[in-house]
């Protein structure tokens, strides 16, 4: 467990280490107009961009699992 110099548990350091070991970043570049349209569509629908992207990733994974 990460500790501060005082010997106390260092929550921030623990969270940083956990994130480094368990999380990955996915990035992509698209034309500015396309991204603006996507952001606006998400806003109009009351959706978070990350939720839309995550759902697309889940659907792709499931489709790959069921394909021959």
Foldseek 3Di string as FASTA:
>chain_A
DDADPVRHDDPVVVVVVCCVVPHDDDDDDDDPVVVVVLVVVCVVVVHDPVVVVVVVVVVVVVVVVPDD
